[in-house]
C-alpha atoms as a PDB file:
ATOM      1  CA  ILE A   1      93.658  19.204   6.122  1.00  0.00           C
ATOM      2  CA  LEU A   2      93.907  22.090   3.798  1.00  0.00           C
ATOM      3  CA  LEU A   3      94.468  24.776   6.330  1.00  0.00           C
ATOM      4  CA  GLU A   4      97.282  22.984   7.365  1.00  0.00           C
ATOM      5  CA  GLU A   5      98.916  22.250   4.092  1.00  0.00           C
ATOM      6  CA  THR A   6      98.049  25.835   3.095  1.00  0.00           C
ATOM      7  CA  GLU A   7     100.103  27.185   6.049  1.00  0.00           C
ATOM      8  CA  ARG A   8     102.933  24.791   5.055  1.00  0.00           C
ATOM      9  CA  TRP A   9     103.308  26.301   1.630  1.00  0.00           C
ATOM     10  CA  THR A  10     102.484  29.921   2.525  1.00  0.00           C
ATOM     11  CA  GLY A  11     103.762  30.602   5.893  1.00  0.00           C
ATOM     12  CA  LYS A  12     100.693  32.441   6.607  1.00  0.00           C
ATOM     13  CA  THR A  13     100.074  31.859  10.345  1.00  0.00           C
ATOM     14  CA  GLU A  14      97.699  34.861  10.416  1.00  0.00           C
ATOM     15  CA  LEU A  15      95.367  32.808   8.047  1.00  0.00           C
ATOM     16  CA  ALA A  16      95.480  29.722  10.366  1.00  0.00           C
ATOM     17  CA  ARG A  17      94.771  32.074  13.451  1.00  0.00           C
ATOM     18  CA  GLU A  18      91.766  33.582  11.721  1.00  0.00           C
ATOM     19  CA  LEU A  19      90.374  30.271  10.863  1.00  0.00           C
ATOM     20  CA  GLU A  20      91.095  28.709  14.226  1.00  0.00           C
ATOM     21  CA  GLN A  21      87.374  28.796  15.346  1.00  0.00           C
ATOM     22  CA  VAL A  22      86.386  27.382  11.923  1.00  0.00           C
ATOM     23  CA  ALA A  23      88.713  24.200  12.164  1.00  0.00           C
ATOM     24  CA  GLY A  24      87.637  23.805  15.731  1.00  0.00           C
ATOM     25  CA  ALA A  25      84.028  23.631  14.638  1.00  0.00           C
ATOM     26  CA  ALA A  26      85.084  21.044  12.001  1.00  0.00           C
ATOM     27  CA  LEU A  27      86.856  19.110  14.371  1.00  0.00           C
ATOM     28  CA  ALA A  28      83.767  19.214  16.798  1.00  0.00           C
ATOM     29  CA  TRP A  29      81.326  18.131  13.794  1.00  0.00           C
ATOM     30  CA  ILE A  30      83.836  14.919  13.425  1.00  0.00           C
ATOM     31  CA  ASP A  31      83.414  13.873  17.003  1.00  0.00           C
ATOM     32  CA  THR A  32      79.727  15.023  17.410  1.00  0.00           C
ATOM     33  CA  TYR A  33      78.074  14.405  14.003  1.00  0.00           C
ATOM     34  CA  GLY A  34      80.440  12.410  12.187  1.00  0.00           C
ATOM     35  CA  ALA A  35      81.056   9.614  14.604  1.00  0.00           C
ATOM     36  CA  ARG A  36      77.403   9.240  15.858  1.00  0.00           C
ATOM     37  CA  ASP A  37      77.410   6.302  18.041  1.00  0.00           C
ATOM     38  CA  GLY A  38      80.297   6.724  20.225  1.00  0.00           C
ATOM     39  CA  ASP A  39      82.860   4.084  18.600  1.00  0.00           C
ATOM     40  CA  GLY A  40      85.114   6.990  17.092  1.00  0.00           C
ATOM     41  CA  TYR A  41      84.582   6.097  13.426  1.00  0.00           C
ATOM     42  CA  VAL A  42      82.877   8.671  11.153  1.00  0.00           C
ATOM     43  CA  GLU A  43      80.053   7.055   9.181  1.00  0.00           C
ATOM     44  CA  TYR A  44      77.321   8.109   7.090  1.00  0.00           C
ATOM     45  CA  GLU A  45      73.410   7.170   6.575  1.00  0.00           C
ATOM     46  CA  ARG A  46      71.047   9.183   4.709  1.00  0.00           C
ATOM     47  CA  ARG A  47      68.103  11.032   6.128  1.00  0.00           C
ATOM     48  CA  ASN A  48      65.960  11.433   3.030  1.00  0.00           C
ATOM     49  CA  THR A  49      64.917   7.928   2.486  1.00  0.00           C
ATOM     50  CA  GLU A  50      62.811   8.651  -0.679  1.00  0.00           C
ATOM     51  CA  SER A  51      65.679  10.629  -2.818  1.00  0.00           C
ATOM     52  CA  GLY A  52      68.794  10.987  -0.595  1.00  0.00           C
ATOM     53  CA  LEU A  53      71.951   9.202  -1.519  1.00  0.00           C
ATOM     54  CA  GLU A  54      72.414   5.719  -0.028  1.00  0.00           C
ATOM     55  CA  ASN A  55      76.221   6.178  -0.270  1.00  0.00           C
ATOM     56  CA  GLN A  56      77.830   9.417   0.959  1.00  0.00           C
ATOM     57  CA  CYS A  57      81.536   8.722   0.553  1.00  0.00           C
ATOM     58  CA  TRP A  58      82.939   9.746  -2.653  1.00  0.00           C
ATOM     59  CA  LYS A  59      81.728   6.526  -4.215  1.00  0.00           C
ATOM     60  CA  ASP A  60      78.065   7.696  -3.955  1.00  0.00           C
ATOM     61  CA  SER A  61      76.304   5.153  -6.170  1.00  0.00           C
ATOM     62  CA  TRP A  62      73.804   2.735  -4.740  1.00  0.00           C
ATOM     63  CA  ASN A  63      75.964  -0.485  -5.195  1.00  0.00           C
ATOM     64  CA  SER A  64      79.435   0.766  -4.643  1.00  0.00           C
ATOM     65  CA  ILE A  65      79.781  -0.598  -1.003  1.00  0.00           C
ATOM     66  CA  ALA A  66      79.141  -4.434  -1.133  1.00  0.00           C
ATOM     67  CA  TYR A  67      80.612  -7.603   0.505  1.00  0.00           C
ATOM     68  CA  ALA A  68      82.869  -9.865  -1.160  1.00  0.00           C
ATOM     69  CA  ASP A  69      79.907 -12.122  -2.089  1.00  0.00           C
ATOM     70  CA  GLY A  70      78.204  -9.318  -3.876  1.00  0.00           C
ATOM     71  CA  SER A  71      75.614  -8.289  -1.284  1.00  0.00           C
ATOM     72  CA  LEU A  72      75.311  -4.952  -0.359  1.00  0.00           C
ATOM     73  CA  ALA A  73      76.091  -3.379   3.056  1.00  0.00           C
ATOM     74  CA  ALA A  74      73.652  -1.791   5.299  1.00  0.00           C
ATOM     75  CA  THR A  75      74.075   1.765   6.567  1.00  0.00           C
ATOM     76  CA  PRO A  76      75.230   3.556   8.508  1.00  0.00           C
ATOM     77  CA  LEU A  77      78.662   2.982   7.198  1.00  0.00           C
ATOM     78  CA  ALA A  78      82.290   3.794   8.107  1.00  0.00           C
ATOM     79  CA  THR A  79      84.381   3.840   4.964  1.00  0.00           C
ATOM     80  CA  CYS A  80      88.091   3.274   5.274  1.00  0.00           C
ATOM     81  CA  GLU A  81      89.369   6.504   3.655  1.00  0.00           C
ATOM     82  CA  ILE A  82      87.090   8.584   5.645  1.00  0.00           C
ATOM     83  CA  GLN A  83      88.924   7.199   8.729  1.00  0.00           C
ATOM     84  CA  GLY A  84      92.181   8.129   7.178  1.00  0.00           C
ATOM     85  CA  LEU A  85      91.166  11.616   6.622  1.00  0.00           C
ATOM     86  CA  VAL A  86      90.123  12.197  10.293  1.00  0.00           C
ATOM     87  CA  TYR A  87      93.495  10.798  11.440  1.00  0.00           C
ATOM     88  CA  ASP A  88      95.172  13.283   9.016  1.00  0.00           C
ATOM     89  CA  ALA A  89      92.903  16.174  10.098  1.00  0.00           C
ATOM     90  CA  LYS A  90      93.759  15.567  13.746  1.00  0.00           C
ATOM     91  CA  SER A  91      97.378  15.045  13.324  1.00  0.00           C
ATOM     92  CA  ARG A  92      97.629  18.101  11.376  1.00  0.00           C
ATOM     93  CA  CYS A  93      95.472  20.308  13.836  1.00  0.00           C
ATOM     94  CA  ALA A  94      97.474  19.119  16.479  1.00  0.00           C
ATOM     95  CA  ARG A  95     100.672  20.731  15.088  1.00  0.00           C
ATOM     96  CA  LEU A  96      98.556  24.012  14.156  1.00  0.00           C
ATOM     97  CA  ALA A  97      97.307  23.922  17.931  1.00  0.00           C
ATOM     98  CA  ARG A  98     100.837  23.837  19.332  1.00  0.00           C
ATOM     99  CA  GLU A  99     102.650  26.027  16.788  1.00  0.00           C
ATOM    100  CA  VAL A 100     100.018  28.448  15.817  1.00  0.00           C
ATOM    101  CA  TRP A 101      96.979  28.621  18.009  1.00  0.00           C
ATOM    102  CA  ASP A 102      99.085  28.476  21.377  1.00  0.00           C
ATOM    103  CA  ASP A 103      96.782  25.526  22.793  1.00  0.00           C
ATOM    104  CA  GLY A 104      99.182  22.788  23.750  1.00  0.00           C
ATOM    105  CA  GLU A 105      96.337  21.411  25.525  1.00  0.00           C
ATOM    106  CA  LEU A 106      94.275  20.817  22.513  1.00  0.00           C
ATOM    107  CA  GLY A 107      97.296  19.563  20.740  1.00  0.00           C
ATOM    108  CA  ASP A 108      98.065  16.775  23.101  1.00  0.00           C
ATOM    109  CA  ARG A 109      94.297  15.921  22.925  1.00  0.00           C
ATOM    110  CA  LEU A 110      94.182  15.796  19.074  1.00  0.00           C
ATOM    111  CA  GLU A 111      97.348  13.735  18.873  1.00  0.00           C
ATOM    112  CA  ARG A 112      96.110  11.334  21.486  1.00  0.00           C
ATOM    113  CA  GLU A 113      92.723  10.857  19.391  1.00  0.00           C
ATOM    114  CA  ALA A 114      94.690  10.337  16.499  1.00  0.00           C
ATOM    115  CA  ASP A 115      96.973   7.645  18.068  1.00  0.00           C
ATOM    116  CA  GLU A 116      93.694   5.859  19.527  1.00  0.00           C
ATOM    117  CA  LEU A 117      91.859   5.976  15.952  1.00  0.00           C
ATOM    118  CA  LYS A 118      95.195   4.218  14.461  1.00  0.00           C
ATOM    119  CA  ALA A 119      94.924   1.372  17.076  1.00  0.00           C
ATOM    120  CA  ARG A 120      91.296   1.120  16.640  1.00  0.00           C
ATOM    121  CA  PHE A 121      91.485   1.147  13.008  1.00  0.00           C
ATOM    122  CA  ASN A 122      94.347  -1.496  12.756  1.00  0.00           C
ATOM    123  CA  ARG A 123      92.390  -3.801  14.872  1.00  0.00           C
ATOM    124  CA  ASP A 124      88.719  -3.428  13.626  1.00  0.00           C
ATOM    125  CA  TYR A 125      89.580  -2.880   9.922  1.00  0.00           C
ATOM    126  CA  TRP A 126      92.324  -5.558   9.095  1.00  0.00           C
ATOM    127  CA  LEU A 127      91.003  -8.698   7.368  1.00  0.00           C
ATOM    128  CA  GLU A 128      93.447 -11.185   8.558  1.00  0.00           C
ATOM    129  CA  GLU A 129      92.229 -13.998   6.208  1.00  0.00           C
ATOM    130  CA  ARG A 130      92.308 -11.796   3.349  1.00  0.00           C
ATOM    131  CA  GLY A 131      95.251  -9.750   4.033  1.00  0.00           C
ATOM    132  CA  PHE A 132      94.123  -6.457   3.196  1.00  0.00           C
ATOM    133  CA  PHE A 133      91.904  -3.586   5.089  1.00  0.00           C
ATOM    134  CA  ALA A 134      88.117  -3.670   4.916  1.00  0.00           C
ATOM    135  CA  LEU A 135      86.598  -1.467   2.649  1.00  0.00           C
ATOM    136  CA  ALA A 136      84.080  -0.426   5.608  1.00  0.00           C
ATOM    137  CA  LEU A 137      82.214  -1.197   8.630  1.00  0.00           C
ATOM    138  CA  ASP A 138      78.617  -1.708   8.428  1.00  0.00           C
ATOM    139  CA  ARG A 139      75.916  -0.927  10.844  1.00  0.00           C
ATOM    140  CA  ASP A 140      76.665  -3.960  12.903  1.00  0.00           C
ATOM    141  CA  LYS A 141      80.448  -3.424  12.744  1.00  0.00           C
ATOM    142  CA  ARG A 142      80.820  -6.214  10.364  1.00  0.00           C
ATOM    143  CA  GLN A 143      83.875  -5.840   8.021  1.00  0.00           C
ATOM    144  CA  VAL A 144      82.951  -5.043   4.365  1.00  0.00           C
ATOM    145  CA  ASP A 145      85.558  -7.441   2.892  1.00  0.00           C
ATOM    146  CA  SER A 146      85.676  -6.322  -0.678  1.00  0.00           C
ATOM    147  CA  LEU A 147      89.153  -5.444  -2.305  1.00  0.00           C
ATOM    148  CA  THR A 148      88.627  -1.806  -3.865  1.00  0.00           C
ATOM    149  CA  SER A 149      90.772   1.269  -4.746  1.00  0.00           C
ATOM    150  CA  ASN A 150      89.684   2.927  -1.485  1.00  0.00           C
ATOM    151  CA  ILE A 151      92.796   1.536   0.294  1.00  0.00           C
ATOM    152  CA  GLY A 152      94.951   3.557  -1.992  1.00  0.00           C
ATOM    153  CA  HIS A 153      93.376   6.706  -0.223  1.00  0.00           C
ATOM    154  CA  LEU A 154      94.900   5.557   3.222  1.00  0.00           C
ATOM    155  CA  LEU A 155      98.437   5.893   1.872  1.00  0.00           C
ATOM    156  CA  SER A 156      98.722   9.589   2.273  1.00  0.00           C
ATOM    157  CA  THR A 157      96.924  10.136   5.681  1.00  0.00           C
ATOM    158  CA  GLY A 158      99.560   8.610   7.831  1.00  0.00           C
ATOM    159  CA  LEU A 159      96.935   6.140   9.460  1.00  0.00           C
ATOM    160  CA  LEU A 160      99.191   3.241   8.377  1.00  0.00           C
ATOM    161  CA  ASP A 161     102.483   1.774   9.589  1.00  0.00           C
ATOM    162  CA  ALA A 162     105.383   1.001   7.035  1.00  0.00           C
ATOM    163  CA  GLY A 163     104.718  -2.816   6.848  1.00  0.00           C
ATOM    164  CA  GLU A 164     100.928  -1.751   6.324  1.00  0.00           C
ATOM    165  CA  GLU A 165     101.691   0.623   3.575  1.00  0.00           C
ATOM    166  CA  HIS A 166     103.799  -2.137   1.870  1.00  0.00           C
ATOM    167  CA  VAL A 167     100.908  -4.358   1.790  1.00  0.00           C
ATOM    168  CA  VAL A 168      98.786  -1.593   0.300  1.00  0.00           C
ATOM    169  CA  ALA A 169     101.272  -0.930  -2.461  1.00  0.00           C
ATOM    170  CA  GLY A 170     101.461  -4.366  -3.433  1.00  0.00           C
ATOM    171  CA  LEU A 171      97.568  -4.640  -3.693  1.00  0.00           C
ATOM    172  CA  LEU A 172      97.688  -1.434  -6.033  1.00  0.00           C
ATOM    173  CA  ALA A 173     100.193  -2.926  -8.460  1.00  0.00           C
ATOM    174  CA  ASP A 174      98.015  -6.428  -8.525  1.00  0.00           C
ATOM    175  CA  ARG A 175      96.325  -7.195 -11.602  1.00  0.00           C
ATOM    176  CA  ARG A 176      92.932  -7.336  -9.875  1.00  0.00           C
ATOM    177  CA  LEU A 177      93.027  -3.401  -9.299  1.00  0.00           C
ATOM    178  CA  PHE A 178      95.536  -2.209 -11.884  1.00  0.00           C
ATOM    179  CA  SER A 179      93.925  -2.192 -15.128  1.00  0.00           C
ATOM    180  CA  ASP A 180      97.320  -0.816 -17.102  1.00  0.00           C
ATOM    181  CA  TYR A 181      95.607   2.582 -17.426  1.00  0.00           C
ATOM    182  CA  GLY A 182      94.777   3.205 -13.802  1.00  0.00           C
ATOM    183  CA  LEU A 183      93.395   1.794 -10.618  1.00  0.00           C
ATOM    184  CA  ARG A 184      90.050  -0.138 -10.892  1.00  0.00           C
ATOM    185  CA  THR A 185      87.573   0.983  -8.445  1.00  0.00           C
ATOM    186  CA  LEU A 186      86.800  -2.694  -7.596  1.00  0.00           C
ATOM    187  CA  ASP A 187      88.812  -5.633  -7.657  1.00  0.00           C
ATOM    188  CA  ALA A 188      88.391  -7.484 -11.173  1.00  0.00           C
ATOM    189  CA  ASP A 189      87.428 -11.054  -9.490  1.00  0.00           C
ATOM    190  CA  HIS A 190      84.526  -9.594  -7.601  1.00  0.00           C
ATOM    191  CA  PRO A 191      81.105 -10.813  -8.662  1.00  0.00           C
ATOM    192  CA  HIS A 192      79.800  -7.074  -9.152  1.00  0.00           C
ATOM    193  CA  PHE A 193      82.836  -6.099 -11.397  1.00  0.00           C
ATOM    194  CA  ASN A 194      81.697  -4.230 -14.315  1.00  0.00           C
ATOM    195  CA  PRO A 195      84.444  -2.392 -16.338  1.00  0.00           C
ATOM    196  CA  LEU A 196      81.808   0.147 -17.196  1.00  0.00           C
ATOM    197  CA  GLY A 197      80.115   0.186 -13.596  1.00  0.00           C
ATOM    198  CA  TYR A 198      80.212   3.691 -12.223  1.00  0.00           C
ATOM    199  CA  HIS A 199      81.941   2.658  -9.091  1.00  0.00           C
ATOM    200  CA  SER A 200      82.120  -1.167  -9.640  1.00  0.00           C
ATOM    201  CA  GLY A 201      85.013  -1.680 -12.007  1.00  0.00           C
ATOM    202  CA  SER A 202      85.579   1.783 -13.752  1.00  0.00           C
ATOM    203  CA  VAL A 203      88.723   3.662 -13.542  1.00  0.00           C
ATOM    204  CA  TRP A 204      88.613   7.440 -12.057  1.00  0.00           C
ATOM    205  CA  PRO A 205      91.694   9.215 -12.889  1.00  0.00           C
ATOM    206  CA  HIS A 206      91.656  11.263  -9.577  1.00  0.00           C
ATOM    207  CA  ASP A 207      91.403   8.210  -7.682  1.00  0.00           C
ATOM    208  CA  THR A 208      94.489   6.786  -9.111  1.00  0.00           C
ATOM    209  CA  ALA A 209      96.269  10.231  -8.597  1.00  0.00           C
ATOM    210  CA  ILE A 210      95.521  10.095  -4.857  1.00  0.00           C
ATOM    211  CA  ALA A 211      97.377   6.713  -4.700  1.00  0.00           C
ATOM    212  CA  VAL A 212     100.306   8.019  -6.462  1.00  0.00           C
ATOM    213  CA  ASP A 213     100.476  10.751  -4.157  1.00  0.00           C
ATOM    214  CA  GLY A 214     100.256   8.429  -1.140  1.00  0.00           C
ATOM    215  CA  LEU A 215     102.605   5.692  -2.660  1.00  0.00           C
ATOM    216  CA  VAL A 216     105.341   8.518  -3.048  1.00  0.00           C
ATOM    217  CA  ARG A 217     104.805   9.593   0.367  1.00  0.00           C
ATOM    218  CA  ALA A 218     105.219   6.267   1.470  1.00  0.00           C
ATOM    219  CA  GLY A 219     108.168   5.532  -0.419  1.00  0.00           C
ATOM    220  CA  HIS A 220     106.946   2.970  -3.081  1.00  0.00           C
ATOM    221  CA  ALA A 221     107.844   5.031  -6.251  1.00  0.00           C
ATOM    222  CA  PRO A 222     107.989   2.216  -8.543  1.00  0.00           C
ATOM    223  CA  THR A 223     104.431   1.498  -7.982  1.00  0.00           C
ATOM    224  CA  ALA A 224     103.458   5.240  -8.231  1.00  0.00           C
ATOM    225  CA  ALA A 225     105.314   5.417 -11.484  1.00  0.00           C
ATOM    226  CA  ALA A 226     103.744   2.424 -12.926  1.00  0.00           C
ATOM    227  CA  LEU A 227     100.372   4.119 -12.263  1.00  0.00           C
ATOM    228  CA  VAL A 228     101.348   7.525 -13.583  1.00  0.00           C
ATOM    229  CA  GLU A 229     102.511   5.687 -17.020  1.00  0.00           C
ATOM    230  CA  GLY A 230      99.119   4.192 -17.138  1.00  0.00           C
ATOM    231  CA  LEU A 231      97.292   7.504 -16.620  1.00  0.00           C
ATOM    232  CA  LEU A 232      99.536   9.095 -19.180  1.00  0.00           C
ATOM    233  CA  ASP A 233      99.047   6.122 -21.460  1.00  0.00           C
ATOM    234  CA  ALA A 234      95.143   6.704 -21.018  1.00  0.00           C
ATOM    235  CA  ALA A 235      95.245  10.184 -21.595  1.00  0.00           C
ATOM    236  CA  ALA A 236      96.795   9.922 -24.775  1.00  0.00           C
ATOM    237  CA  HIS A 237      93.613   8.170 -26.054  1.00  0.00           C
ATOM    238  CA  PHE A 238      91.513  11.098 -24.804  1.00  0.00           C
ATOM    239  CA  ASP A 239      93.543  13.919 -26.550  1.00  0.00           C
ATOM    240  CA  PHE A 240      95.264  14.492 -23.157  1.00  0.00           C
ATOM    241  CA  ARG A 241      92.166  15.640 -21.594  1.00  0.00           C
ATOM    242  CA  LEU A 242      91.375  13.023 -19.194  1.00  0.00           C
ATOM    243  CA  PRO A 243      87.663  12.264 -18.604  1.00  0.00           C
ATOM    244  CA  GLU A 244      86.028  11.866 -15.189  1.00  0.00           C
ATOM    245  CA  LEU A 245      86.026   8.231 -15.554  1.00  0.00           C
ATOM    246  CA  PHE A 246      86.748   5.554 -18.146  1.00  0.00           C
ATOM    247  CA  GLY A 247      86.262   1.782 -18.519  1.00  0.00           C
ATOM    248  CA  GLY A 248      88.242  -0.680 -16.237  1.00  0.00           C
ATOM    249  CA  TRP A 249      89.145  -3.281 -18.820  1.00  0.00           C
ATOM    250  CA  ALA A 250      92.981  -3.498 -19.978  1.00  0.00           C
ATOM    251  CA  SER A 251      93.039  -3.342 -23.838  1.00  0.00           C
ATOM    252  CA  SER A 252      96.028  -2.616 -25.941  1.00  0.00           C
ATOM    253  CA  ASP A 253      93.550  -0.722 -28.199  1.00  0.00           C
ATOM    254  CA  GLY A 254      93.120   1.798 -25.225  1.00  0.00           C
ATOM    255  CA  PRO A 255      90.788   2.340 -22.360  1.00  0.00           C
ATOM    256  CA  LEU A 256      86.948   1.899 -22.804  1.00  0.00           C
ATOM    257  CA  PRO A 257      85.089   5.211 -22.954  1.00  0.00           C
ATOM    258  CA  TYR A 258      82.491   5.830 -20.266  1.00  0.00           C
ATOM    259  CA  PRO A 259      79.508   7.244 -22.255  1.00  0.00           C
ATOM    260  CA  ALA A 260      78.318   9.793 -19.683  1.00  0.00           C
ATOM    261  CA  ALA A 261      81.725  10.759 -18.418  1.00  0.00           C
ATOM    262  CA  CYS A 262      82.142  14.585 -17.992  1.00  0.00           C
ATOM    263  CA  ARG A 263      85.251  16.017 -19.895  1.00  0.00           C
ATOM    264  CA  PRO A 264      86.899  18.233 -18.740  1.00  0.00           C
ATOM    265  CA  GLN A 265      86.366  17.437 -15.285  1.00  0.00           C
ATOM    266  CA  ALA A 266      87.880  19.412 -12.343  1.00  0.00           C
ATOM    267  CA  TRP A 267      89.044  16.092 -10.551  1.00  0.00           C
ATOM    268  CA  ALA A 268      90.488  14.632 -13.624  1.00  0.00           C
ATOM    269  CA  ALA A 269      92.250  17.793 -14.514  1.00  0.00           C
ATOM    270  CA  GLY A 270      93.874  18.038 -11.114  1.00  0.00           C
ATOM    271  CA  CYS A 271      95.618  14.566 -11.905  1.00  0.00           C
ATOM    272  CA  ALA A 272      98.348  16.663 -13.768  1.00  0.00           C
ATOM    273  CA  LEU A 273      99.251  18.438 -10.717  1.00  0.00           C
ATOM    274  CA  VAL A 274      99.552  15.309  -8.554  1.00  0.00           C
ATOM    275  CA  VAL A 275     101.560  13.517 -11.379  1.00  0.00           C
ATOM    276  CA  VAL A 276     104.011  16.499 -11.509  1.00  0.00           C
ATOM    277  CA  GLY A 277     104.308  16.941  -7.752  1.00  0.00           C
ATOM    278  CA  ALA A 278     104.904  13.192  -7.510  1.00  0.00           C
ATOM    279  CA  ALA A 279     107.624  13.307 -10.149  1.00  0.00           C
ATOM    280  CA  LEU A 280     109.336  16.153  -8.432  1.00  0.00           C
ATOM    281  CA  GLY A 281     109.082  14.574  -4.876  1.00  0.00           C
ATOM    282  CA  LEU A 282     107.875  17.945  -3.694  1.00  0.00           C
ATOM    283  CA  SER A 283     107.040  18.793  -0.146  1.00  0.00           C
ATOM    284  CA  ALA A 284     107.037  22.222   1.581  1.00  0.00           C
ATOM    285  CA  ASP A 285     107.537  23.295   5.134  1.00  0.00           C
ATOM    286  CA  VAL A 286     107.761  26.828   5.088  1.00  0.00           C
ATOM    287  CA  PRO A 287     107.030  27.279   9.004  1.00  0.00           C
ATOM    288  CA  GLY A 288     110.177  24.785   9.434  1.00  0.00           C
ATOM    289  CA  GLY A 289     112.178  26.761   6.805  1.00  0.00           C
ATOM    290  CA  SER A 290     112.622  24.058   4.376  1.00  0.00           C
ATOM    291  CA  LEU A 291     111.707  22.772   0.940  1.00  0.00           C
ATOM    292  CA  THR A 292     112.415  19.434  -0.452  1.00  0.00           C
ATOM    293  CA  VAL A 293     112.511  18.297  -4.033  1.00  0.00           C
ATOM    294  CA  ARG A 294     113.605  14.603  -4.698  1.00  0.00           C
ATOM    295  CA  SER A 295     113.960  13.097  -7.878  1.00  0.00           C
ATOM    296  CA  ASP A 296     113.418   9.325  -8.044  1.00  0.00           C
ATOM    297  CA  GLU A 297     114.850   6.886 -10.905  1.00  0.00           C
ATOM    298  CA  ALA A 298     111.366   5.483 -11.160  1.00  0.00           C
ATOM    299  CA  PHE A 299     110.284   8.392 -12.806  1.00  0.00           C
ATOM    300  CA  ALA A 300     112.995   8.633 -15.095  1.00  0.00           C
ATOM    301  CA  ALA A 301     110.766   8.380 -18.164  1.00  0.00           C
ATOM    302  CA  LEU A 302     109.365  11.946 -17.233  1.00  0.00           C
ATOM    303  CA  TYR A 303     112.797  13.559 -17.109  1.00  0.00           C
ATOM    304  CA  PRO A 304     113.951  16.300 -17.928  1.00  0.00           C
ATOM    305  CA  LEU A 305     111.013  17.954 -16.194  1.00  0.00           C
ATOM    306  CA  ARG A 306     110.724  21.877 -15.634  1.00  0.00           C
ATOM    307  CA  VAL A 307     107.834  23.697 -13.697  1.00  0.00           C
ATOM    308  CA  GLU A 308     108.012  27.458 -13.491  1.00  0.00           C
ATOM    309  CA  GLY A 309     105.850  29.956 -11.745  1.00  0.00           C
ATOM    310  CA  LEU A 310     105.071  28.083  -8.575  1.00  0.00           C
ATOM    311  CA  ARG A 311     104.495  30.148  -5.359  1.00  0.00           C
ATOM    312  CA  ILE A 312     105.985  29.388  -1.851  1.00  0.00           C
ATOM    313  CA  ALA A 313     106.296  31.861   0.989  1.00  0.00           C
ATOM    314  CA  GLY A 314     104.981  34.548  -1.090  1.00  0.00           C
ATOM    315  CA  HIS A 315     107.776  34.005  -3.705  1.00  0.00           C
ATOM    316  CA  ARG A 316     108.191  32.460  -7.201  1.00  0.00           C
ATOM    317  CA  LEU A 317     109.586  29.095  -7.379  1.00  0.00           C
ATOM    318  CA  ASP A 318     111.065  27.343 -10.292  1.00  0.00           C
ATOM    319  CA  ILE A 319     112.266  23.569 -10.368  1.00  0.00           C
ATOM    320  CA  ALA A 320     114.097  21.642 -13.066  1.00  0.00           C
ATOM    321  CA  ILE A 321     115.143  18.152 -13.070  1.00  0.00           C
ATOM    322  CA  ASP A 322     117.485  17.118 -15.882  1.00  0.00           C
ATOM    323  CA  ALA A 323     117.700  13.777 -17.696  1.00  0.00           C
ATOM    324  CA  ASP A 324     120.266  12.534 -15.006  1.00  0.00           C
ATOM    325  CA  GLY A 325     117.739  13.244 -12.124  1.00  0.00           C
ATOM    326  CA  ARG A 326     119.820  16.087 -10.854  1.00  0.00           C
ATOM    327  CA  ALA A 327     117.539  18.999  -9.214  1.00  0.00           C
ATOM    328  CA  ASP A 328     117.940  22.791  -9.622  1.00  0.00           C
ATOM    329  CA  VAL A 329     115.729  24.936  -7.572  1.00  0.00           C
ATOM    330  CA  THR A 330     115.326  28.675  -7.912  1.00  0.00           C
ATOM    331  CA  THR A 331     113.343  30.854  -5.256  1.00  0.00           C
ATOM    332  CA  ALA A 332     113.823  33.939  -3.394  1.00  0.00           C
ATOM    333  CA  ALA A 333     112.114  32.565  -0.438  1.00  0.00           C
ATOM    334  CA  ALA A 334     114.371  32.310   2.823  1.00  0.00           C
ATOM    335  CA  LEU A 335     114.072  28.407   2.783  1.00  0.00           C
ATOM    336  CA  THR A 336     116.760  25.635   3.178  1.00  0.00           C
ATOM    337  CA  VAL A 337     116.384  23.801  -0.196  1.00  0.00           C
ATOM    338  CA  ARG A 338     116.947  20.013  -0.116  1.00  0.00           C
ATOM    339  CA  ALA A 339     117.506  19.009  -3.581  1.00  0.00           C
ATOM    340  CA  THR A 340     118.352  15.377  -4.515  1.00  0.00           C
END
């Protein structure tokens, strides 16, 4: 994913060629060691049963993957967001295979595998009676039926269709997940909900930022802007240095600090870049010769907004959006700029 995104911004096809074998090894790991039982889903299970992490998705605490009744799910587990990342990786590498690696056969295979994953995922993860995607599949392929922030990670991957993205966007705006300051890691009505639980009700700024990015990509800017407003409100209570996580309880007095949170923390600091990118509607396609900047009235509270000193295709990039949402882009890169 990172390799393809880097090539989109820099146009450095030589780097993508240089790392072709590395990318191929990563793809092979997905199919050989990630999807271990042949069902096509990447899953995890600890090998060190004495001190290894029980959960090895980003929510790596012992009780982060639980059913709606509060019981813990048994490993191996295939969490939903990991499948989204696999889909994204294969889709992106399919393009690199065709356009950079001169391997159309590989490109066709990766595209086919991504399409098959999308079809399986929609069949196996959708909870018809609850109206959302399962958090995970357990060792018996049973759906883990809790509502969590993990579904927000799916929006930026391409794994969902437009109708499914609409459903997820609605859930992210629901009061069960949205705390006024960001997304709770776990539904507030869940029996395990704890606003100061590490992954069972707290708010992680990076988790919310990933959802913001996906919401903008999926065309749900108003929901994205509401989450951004929540993060900015929270940041004001932390001297604009967002912590690793904070409490998931809505309060007019500000978010509850999490006592052991790292501050500063790299994930949380990176939120600023995601928020600015979302407000700019920024996307690059240097191989295709284009740069897109798209303002949206949903982010009007952030305008005027000016960002200077970005880099694209080896050149400086400055972007400004005025108070009326008009965009101005300055760069010497030989690109078609679509600014709205």
